C-alpha atoms as a PDB file:
ATOM      1  CA  MET A   1      93.850-185.287  -5.306  1.00  0.00           C
ATOM      2  CA  SER A   2      96.203-183.498  -2.914  1.00  0.00           C
ATOM      3  CA  ILE A   3      98.227-180.417  -3.787  1.00  0.00           C
ATOM      4  CA  VAL A   4     101.374-182.549  -3.520  1.00  0.00           C
ATOM      5  CA  SER A   5      99.978-185.009  -6.069  1.00  0.00           C
ATOM      6  CA  ILE A   6      99.036-182.178  -8.424  1.00  0.00           C
ATOM      7  CA  MET A   7     102.464-180.582  -8.101  1.00  0.00           C
ATOM      8  CA  ALA A   8     104.108-183.985  -8.572  1.00  0.00           C
ATOM      9  CA  ALA A   9     102.173-184.538 -11.794  1.00  0.00           C
ATOM     10  CA  ILE A  10     103.301-181.129 -13.072  1.00  0.00           C
ATOM     11  CA  LEU A  11     106.885-181.881 -12.062  1.00  0.00           C
ATOM     12  CA  GLU A  12     106.725-185.260 -13.783  1.00  0.00           C
ATOM     13  CA  ASP A  13     105.518-183.575 -17.004  1.00  0.00           C
ATOM     14  CA  GLU A  14     108.246-180.936 -16.812  1.00  0.00           C
ATOM     15  CA  LEU A  15     110.942-183.538 -16.240  1.00  0.00           C
ATOM     16  CA  ARG A  16     109.627-185.659 -19.108  1.00  0.00           C
ATOM     17  CA  GLU A  17     109.767-182.628 -21.416  1.00  0.00           C
ATOM     18  CA  HIS A  18     113.447-182.265 -20.480  1.00  0.00           C
ATOM     19  CA  GLY A  19     114.226-185.904 -21.189  1.00  0.00           C
ATOM     20  CA  ILE A  20     114.106-187.250 -17.637  1.00  0.00           C
ATOM     21  CA  LEU A  21     111.868-190.274 -18.015  1.00  0.00           C
ATOM     22  CA  LYS A  22     112.705-192.721 -15.239  1.00  0.00           C
ATOM     23  CA  LEU A  23     111.026-191.019 -12.268  1.00  0.00           C
ATOM     24  CA  THR A  24     107.716-192.359 -11.021  1.00  0.00           C
ATOM     25  CA  GLN A  25     104.776-190.391  -9.650  1.00  0.00           C
ATOM     26  CA  LEU A  26     105.893-191.453  -6.163  1.00  0.00           C
ATOM     27  CA  ASP A  27     109.409-190.150  -6.854  1.00  0.00           C
ATOM     28  CA  CYS A  28     107.944-186.826  -7.919  1.00  0.00           C
ATOM     29  CA  GLU A  29     105.648-186.670  -4.885  1.00  0.00           C
ATOM     30  CA  THR A  30     108.641-187.280  -2.635  1.00  0.00           C
ATOM     31  CA  MET A  31     110.606-184.546  -4.399  1.00  0.00           C
ATOM     32  CA  VAL A  32     107.708-182.094  -4.097  1.00  0.00           C
ATOM     33  CA  GLN A  33     107.245-182.897  -0.411  1.00  0.00           C
ATOM     34  CA  ASN A  34     110.975-182.372   0.181  1.00  0.00           C
ATOM     35  CA  MET A  35     110.858-179.040  -1.668  1.00  0.00           C
ATOM     36  CA  ILE A  36     107.883-177.909   0.439  1.00  0.00           C
ATOM     37  CA  GLU A  37     109.676-178.880   3.660  1.00  0.00           C
ATOM     38  CA  ARG A  38     112.915-177.191   2.605  1.00  0.00           C
ATOM     39  CA  THR A  39     111.031-174.049   1.582  1.00  0.00           C
ATOM     40  CA  ALA A  40     109.296-173.936   4.963  1.00  0.00           C
ATOM     41  CA  GLU A  41     112.625-174.373   6.762  1.00  0.00           C
ATOM     42  CA  LEU A  42     114.173-171.615   4.670  1.00  0.00           C
ATOM     43  CA  ALA A  43     111.248-169.297   5.432  1.00  0.00           C
ATOM     44  CA  VAL A  44     111.749-169.893   9.162  1.00  0.00           C
ATOM     45  CA  ASP A  45     115.489-169.249   8.856  1.00  0.00           C
ATOM     46  CA  ILE A  46     114.890-166.014   6.951  1.00  0.00           C
ATOM     47  CA  LYS A  47     112.297-164.855   9.468  1.00  0.00           C
ATOM     48  CA  GLN A  48     114.673-165.577  12.369  1.00  0.00           C
ATOM     49  CA  TYR A  49     117.499-163.785  10.566  1.00  0.00           C
ATOM     50  CA  CYS A  50     115.311-160.737  10.003  1.00  0.00           C
ATOM     51  CA  LEU A  51     114.318-160.671  13.675  1.00  0.00           C
ATOM     52  CA  GLU A  52     117.921-160.817  14.930  1.00  0.00           C
ATOM     53  CA  PRO A  53     119.353-157.467  16.001  1.00  0.00           C
ATOM     54  CA  ASN A  54     121.717-155.960  13.478  1.00  0.00           C
ATOM     55  CA  PRO A  55     125.035-154.978  15.113  1.00  0.00           C
ATOM     56  CA  ASN A  56     125.435-152.205  12.534  1.00  0.00           C
ATOM     57  CA  ASP A  57     122.265-150.362  13.576  1.00  0.00           C
ATOM     58  CA  GLY A  58     123.306-149.745  17.175  1.00  0.00           C
ATOM     59  CA  THR A  59     120.787-152.045  18.867  1.00  0.00           C
END
């Protein structure tokens, strides 16, 4: 079982506990994969932002 499948199963349980019942395991896997990709993109953006010179520090 992949980490995405494990996370999808957890997500599916959490959603079910909150009354969201119509999502399938595949739906949850897709959502988890999208969250992983978006998190990776955000991490890259943050890293690039931190590496950019700050005009306020005189560099």
